[in-house]
N, C-alpha and C. Protein backbone atom coordinates (compact mmCIF):
# COMPACT_ATOMS: atom_id res chain seq x y z
N MET A 1 0.84 -1.16 0.00
CA MET A 1 0.00 0.00 0.00
C MET A 1 0.90 1.24 0.00
N LEU A 2 0.48 2.23 -0.73
CA LEU A 2 1.23 3.49 -0.80
C LEU A 2 0.52 4.56 0.02
N HIS A 3 1.29 5.46 0.54
CA HIS A 3 0.75 6.59 1.28
C HIS A 3 1.08 7.85 0.47
N LEU A 4 0.07 8.59 0.07
CA LEU A 4 0.30 9.73 -0.83
C LEU A 4 1.26 10.77 -0.28
N THR A 5 1.28 10.97 1.03
CA THR A 5 2.21 11.94 1.60
C THR A 5 3.58 11.32 1.80
N HIS A 6 3.64 10.16 2.42
CA HIS A 6 4.91 9.49 2.71
C HIS A 6 5.65 9.13 1.43
N ASP A 7 4.94 8.69 0.42
CA ASP A 7 5.56 8.24 -0.83
C ASP A 7 5.49 9.28 -1.95
N ALA A 8 5.31 10.54 -1.58
CA ALA A 8 5.14 11.61 -2.58
C ALA A 8 6.29 11.68 -3.58
N ALA A 9 7.50 11.36 -3.15
CA ALA A 9 8.66 11.43 -4.06
C ALA A 9 8.56 10.40 -5.19
N LEU A 10 7.78 9.35 -4.98
CA LEU A 10 7.63 8.31 -6.01
C LEU A 10 6.57 8.66 -7.05
N LEU A 11 5.65 9.53 -6.68
CA LEU A 11 4.50 9.83 -7.53
C LEU A 11 4.87 10.75 -8.70
N ARG A 12 4.34 10.43 -9.88
CA ARG A 12 4.53 11.27 -11.06
C ARG A 12 3.16 11.52 -11.69
N THR A 13 2.97 12.73 -12.17
CA THR A 13 1.73 13.05 -12.88
C THR A 13 1.89 12.69 -14.35
N ARG A 14 0.78 12.70 -15.03
CA ARG A 14 0.80 12.44 -16.48
C ARG A 14 1.70 13.44 -17.20
N GLN A 15 1.58 14.72 -16.82
CA GLN A 15 2.39 15.76 -17.45
C GLN A 15 3.88 15.55 -17.21
N GLN A 16 4.25 15.15 -16.00
CA GLN A 16 5.66 14.91 -15.69
C GLN A 16 6.21 13.75 -16.52
N LEU A 17 5.47 12.65 -16.57
CA LEU A 17 5.93 11.49 -17.32
C LEU A 17 6.03 11.77 -18.81
N GLU A 18 5.04 12.45 -19.37
CA GLU A 18 5.10 12.78 -20.79
C GLU A 18 6.27 13.70 -21.09
N ALA A 19 6.55 14.66 -20.19
CA ALA A 19 7.69 15.57 -20.38
C ALA A 19 9.02 14.83 -20.32
N GLU A 20 9.06 13.71 -19.57
CA GLU A 20 10.27 12.90 -19.45
C GLU A 20 10.39 11.86 -20.56
N GLY A 21 9.44 11.85 -21.50
CA GLY A 21 9.52 10.95 -22.63
C GLY A 21 8.85 9.60 -22.46
N TRP A 22 8.06 9.43 -21.41
CA TRP A 22 7.34 8.18 -21.21
C TRP A 22 6.15 8.11 -22.16
N ARG A 23 5.80 6.90 -22.60
CA ARG A 23 4.70 6.69 -23.54
C ARG A 23 3.56 5.96 -22.84
N LEU A 24 2.36 6.53 -22.92
CA LEU A 24 1.18 5.93 -22.29
C LEU A 24 0.58 4.87 -23.19
N THR A 25 0.45 3.65 -22.64
CA THR A 25 -0.18 2.54 -23.34
C THR A 25 -1.27 2.02 -22.42
N GLY A 26 -2.52 2.30 -22.78
CA GLY A 26 -3.62 1.95 -21.89
C GLY A 26 -3.56 2.84 -20.66
N GLU A 27 -3.34 2.25 -19.50
CA GLU A 27 -3.20 3.01 -18.25
C GLU A 27 -1.77 3.01 -17.74
N VAL A 28 -0.84 2.40 -18.49
CA VAL A 28 0.54 2.23 -18.04
C VAL A 28 1.48 3.07 -18.90
N PHE A 29 2.40 3.77 -18.23
CA PHE A 29 3.44 4.50 -18.95
C PHE A 29 4.64 3.58 -19.12
N ARG A 30 5.21 3.57 -20.34
CA ARG A 30 6.34 2.69 -20.66
C ARG A 30 7.50 3.51 -21.21
N GLN A 31 8.71 3.05 -20.85
CA GLN A 31 9.94 3.60 -21.43
C GLN A 31 10.92 2.44 -21.43
N GLU A 32 11.14 1.87 -22.62
CA GLU A 32 11.90 0.64 -22.78
C GLU A 32 11.26 -0.44 -21.91
N GLN A 33 12.00 -1.04 -20.96
CA GLN A 33 11.44 -2.10 -20.11
C GLN A 33 10.82 -1.57 -18.82
N ALA A 34 11.04 -0.30 -18.51
CA ALA A 34 10.53 0.28 -17.27
C ALA A 34 9.06 0.65 -17.41
N LEU A 35 8.34 0.53 -16.29
CA LEU A 35 6.90 0.83 -16.28
C LEU A 35 6.54 1.73 -15.11
N TYR A 36 5.60 2.62 -15.34
CA TYR A 36 4.93 3.36 -14.29
C TYR A 36 3.47 2.95 -14.35
N VAL A 37 2.93 2.49 -13.22
CA VAL A 37 1.56 2.01 -13.17
C VAL A 37 0.68 3.01 -12.43
N PRO A 38 -0.63 3.03 -12.72
CA PRO A 38 -1.51 4.02 -12.10
C PRO A 38 -1.73 3.77 -10.62
N VAL A 39 -1.94 4.87 -9.91
CA VAL A 39 -2.30 4.82 -8.49
C VAL A 39 -3.79 5.10 -8.42
N TYR A 40 -4.54 4.14 -7.90
CA TYR A 40 -5.97 4.33 -7.71
C TYR A 40 -6.23 4.67 -6.26
N GLU A 41 -6.76 5.85 -6.03
CA GLU A 41 -7.04 6.33 -4.68
C GLU A 41 -8.42 5.85 -4.24
N GLY A 42 -8.59 5.72 -2.94
CA GLY A 42 -9.86 5.26 -2.38
C GLY A 42 -11.04 6.09 -2.83
N ALA A 43 -10.84 7.39 -2.98
CA ALA A 43 -11.94 8.28 -3.39
C ALA A 43 -12.41 8.00 -4.82
N MET A 44 -11.58 7.29 -5.60
CA MET A 44 -11.95 6.99 -6.98
C MET A 44 -12.92 5.81 -7.07
N LEU A 45 -13.01 5.04 -5.99
CA LEU A 45 -13.85 3.84 -6.00
C LEU A 45 -15.23 4.16 -5.47
N ARG A 46 -16.23 3.65 -6.16
CA ARG A 46 -17.63 3.86 -5.76
C ARG A 46 -18.37 2.54 -5.87
N PRO A 47 -19.38 2.36 -5.01
CA PRO A 47 -20.19 1.15 -5.14
C PRO A 47 -20.90 1.12 -6.50
N TRP A 48 -21.23 -0.07 -6.96
CA TRP A 48 -21.93 -0.20 -8.24
C TRP A 48 -23.18 0.66 -8.24
N GLY A 49 -23.37 1.42 -9.31
CA GLY A 49 -24.57 2.23 -9.48
C GLY A 49 -24.56 3.54 -8.74
N ALA A 50 -23.46 3.87 -8.04
CA ALA A 50 -23.42 5.10 -7.25
C ALA A 50 -22.98 6.31 -8.08
N SER A 51 -22.51 6.08 -9.28
CA SER A 51 -22.03 7.18 -10.11
C SER A 51 -23.20 7.91 -10.78
N PRO A 52 -23.20 9.25 -10.69
CA PRO A 52 -24.27 10.00 -11.35
C PRO A 52 -24.16 9.92 -12.88
N ASN A 53 -22.96 9.65 -13.37
CA ASN A 53 -22.72 9.52 -14.82
C ASN A 53 -22.17 8.12 -15.09
N PRO A 54 -23.03 7.15 -15.41
CA PRO A 54 -22.57 5.77 -15.59
C PRO A 54 -21.49 5.60 -16.65
N GLY A 55 -21.46 6.43 -17.67
CA GLY A 55 -20.46 6.31 -18.73
C GLY A 55 -19.15 7.02 -18.41
N GLN A 56 -19.07 7.68 -17.28
CA GLN A 56 -17.90 8.45 -16.91
C GLN A 56 -16.75 7.52 -16.54
N SER A 57 -15.56 7.76 -17.10
CA SER A 57 -14.40 6.94 -16.77
C SER A 57 -13.59 7.60 -15.65
N VAL A 58 -12.81 6.80 -14.99
CA VAL A 58 -11.98 7.27 -13.89
C VAL A 58 -10.54 7.31 -14.39
N SER A 59 -9.88 8.45 -14.20
CA SER A 59 -8.48 8.59 -14.60
C SER A 59 -7.63 8.86 -13.37
N PRO A 60 -6.52 8.15 -13.24
CA PRO A 60 -5.64 8.37 -12.09
C PRO A 60 -4.94 9.72 -12.18
N ARG A 61 -4.60 10.28 -11.01
CA ARG A 61 -3.82 11.52 -10.97
C ARG A 61 -2.33 11.24 -10.97
N TYR A 62 -1.96 10.05 -10.46
CA TYR A 62 -0.55 9.73 -10.27
C TYR A 62 -0.21 8.34 -10.78
N TRP A 63 1.09 8.16 -11.07
CA TRP A 63 1.65 6.86 -11.45
C TRP A 63 2.90 6.64 -10.60
N VAL A 64 3.24 5.37 -10.35
CA VAL A 64 4.43 5.02 -9.59
C VAL A 64 5.19 3.93 -10.34
N PRO A 65 6.51 3.80 -10.05
CA PRO A 65 7.27 2.72 -10.70
C PRO A 65 6.69 1.36 -10.33
N SER A 66 6.58 0.47 -11.30
CA SER A 66 5.97 -0.83 -11.05
C SER A 66 6.74 -1.63 -10.00
N GLU A 67 8.07 -1.50 -9.95
CA GLU A 67 8.82 -2.26 -8.95
C GLU A 67 8.47 -1.83 -7.53
N ARG A 68 8.07 -0.57 -7.35
CA ARG A 68 7.67 -0.11 -6.00
C ARG A 68 6.38 -0.79 -5.58
N VAL A 69 5.49 -1.02 -6.53
CA VAL A 69 4.24 -1.71 -6.21
C VAL A 69 4.55 -3.16 -5.82
N MET A 70 5.45 -3.79 -6.54
CA MET A 70 5.82 -5.17 -6.22
C MET A 70 6.44 -5.25 -4.83
N GLN A 71 7.27 -4.27 -4.48
CA GLN A 71 7.87 -4.26 -3.15
C GLN A 71 6.81 -4.11 -2.07
N ALA A 72 5.83 -3.26 -2.32
CA ALA A 72 4.77 -3.04 -1.34
C ALA A 72 3.91 -4.30 -1.18
N VAL A 73 3.59 -4.95 -2.28
CA VAL A 73 2.78 -6.16 -2.24
C VAL A 73 3.52 -7.29 -1.56
N ALA A 74 4.84 -7.36 -1.78
CA ALA A 74 5.64 -8.42 -1.18
C ALA A 74 5.93 -8.16 0.29
N ARG A 75 5.56 -6.97 0.78
CA ARG A 75 5.80 -6.59 2.17
C ARG A 75 7.27 -6.66 2.55
N VAL A 76 8.10 -6.15 1.67
CA VAL A 76 9.53 -6.11 1.92
C VAL A 76 9.80 -5.12 3.05
N PRO A 77 10.55 -5.50 4.06
CA PRO A 77 10.83 -4.59 5.17
C PRO A 77 11.53 -3.31 4.71
N GLU A 78 11.18 -2.20 5.32
CA GLU A 78 11.75 -0.91 4.94
C GLU A 78 13.27 -0.91 5.08
N ALA A 79 13.80 -1.57 6.11
CA ALA A 79 15.26 -1.62 6.29
C ALA A 79 15.93 -2.29 5.09
N LEU A 80 15.30 -3.33 4.54
CA LEU A 80 15.87 -4.01 3.37
C LEU A 80 15.79 -3.11 2.15
N LEU A 81 14.69 -2.40 1.98
CA LEU A 81 14.57 -1.48 0.85
C LEU A 81 15.63 -0.39 0.92
N GLN A 82 15.87 0.13 2.11
CA GLN A 82 16.90 1.17 2.27
C GLN A 82 18.29 0.60 1.99
N ALA A 83 18.56 -0.61 2.47
CA ALA A 83 19.85 -1.23 2.21
C ALA A 83 20.03 -1.50 0.72
N TYR A 84 18.96 -1.90 0.06
CA TYR A 84 19.01 -2.18 -1.37
C TYR A 84 19.35 -0.93 -2.18
N ARG A 85 18.93 0.23 -1.69
CA ARG A 85 19.17 1.49 -2.40
C ARG A 85 20.58 2.03 -2.18
N THR A 86 21.36 1.41 -1.32
CA THR A 86 22.72 1.88 -1.06
C THR A 86 23.71 1.01 -1.81
N PRO A 87 24.91 1.54 -2.04
CA PRO A 87 25.93 0.73 -2.72
C PRO A 87 26.61 -0.27 -1.77
N GLN A 88 26.20 -0.32 -0.52
CA GLN A 88 26.82 -1.19 0.47
C GLN A 88 26.19 -2.58 0.43
N SER A 89 26.78 -3.46 -0.33
CA SER A 89 26.18 -4.79 -0.50
C SER A 89 26.13 -5.57 0.81
N ARG A 90 27.05 -5.32 1.73
CA ARG A 90 27.02 -6.05 3.00
C ARG A 90 25.75 -5.73 3.78
N CYS A 91 25.25 -4.49 3.65
CA CYS A 91 24.00 -4.13 4.31
C CYS A 91 22.83 -4.90 3.70
N VAL A 92 22.85 -5.03 2.39
CA VAL A 92 21.78 -5.76 1.70
C VAL A 92 21.78 -7.22 2.16
N VAL A 93 22.95 -7.83 2.19
CA VAL A 93 23.05 -9.23 2.60
C VAL A 93 22.59 -9.40 4.05
N LYS A 94 23.00 -8.48 4.92
CA LYS A 94 22.61 -8.55 6.33
C LYS A 94 21.10 -8.43 6.49
N MET A 95 20.49 -7.46 5.84
CA MET A 95 19.04 -7.26 5.95
C MET A 95 18.28 -8.43 5.33
N LEU A 96 18.76 -8.93 4.18
CA LEU A 96 18.10 -10.05 3.53
C LEU A 96 18.16 -11.30 4.40
N ALA A 97 19.31 -11.55 5.00
CA ALA A 97 19.45 -12.71 5.89
C ALA A 97 18.50 -12.60 7.08
N ALA A 98 18.38 -11.40 7.64
CA ALA A 98 17.47 -11.21 8.78
C ALA A 98 16.02 -11.41 8.35
N TRP A 99 15.67 -10.91 7.18
CA TRP A 99 14.30 -11.02 6.69
C TRP A 99 13.95 -12.49 6.42
N VAL A 100 14.81 -13.17 5.67
CA VAL A 100 14.56 -14.57 5.33
C VAL A 100 14.55 -15.43 6.60
N GLY A 101 15.41 -15.09 7.55
CA GLY A 101 15.47 -15.83 8.80
C GLY A 101 14.32 -15.55 9.74
N GLY A 102 13.49 -14.56 9.40
CA GLY A 102 12.33 -14.23 10.23
C GLY A 102 12.65 -13.37 11.43
N VAL A 103 13.82 -12.74 11.41
CA VAL A 103 14.20 -11.88 12.52
C VAL A 103 13.78 -10.45 12.20
N PRO A 104 12.87 -9.87 13.00
CA PRO A 104 12.47 -8.48 12.71
C PRO A 104 13.64 -7.54 12.96
N SER A 105 13.85 -6.62 12.04
CA SER A 105 14.97 -5.69 12.15
C SER A 105 14.45 -4.28 12.23
N GLN A 106 14.79 -3.60 13.31
CA GLN A 106 14.40 -2.20 13.49
C GLN A 106 15.56 -1.29 13.15
N SER A 107 16.76 -1.84 12.98
CA SER A 107 17.93 -1.00 12.73
C SER A 107 17.95 -0.51 11.30
N ARG A 108 18.53 0.64 11.11
CA ARG A 108 18.70 1.22 9.78
C ARG A 108 20.14 1.03 9.35
N PRO A 109 20.41 0.63 8.11
CA PRO A 109 21.78 0.45 7.64
C PRO A 109 22.51 1.78 7.54
C-alpha cells in the first residue's frame, strides 16, 4: 500500500511522465522495459450504481514505478529497501538474511 504523503517522491503526474519521454499505453506508462503504473485512490472507488454519470471513466492523478508496487505487495521490510538502495552490498546481505530468517529488524543500515 502506498501513502500519498509518505511516498510523494515516487508519484509522477501524467504531465511529468510525458515531459520525461514516457509513452502511455492503456493506463501504463512505458519507457523501454521500465513501467509506471496508475495509483488508484480510495476516493476513486464507488459502489456499483453510485455514479451519477454511468459512462464516466476514472483517470488516475498519479503513477508510480511498477517495482515499487511489487515491493509493497511483497511486504519487503523498509530496512531491506533502504539497504538495497545503497551501494553497500554487506547491508543488503545482512538485511536479507534477517528477513529470510524471520528476525524483525528495526535498525537502519
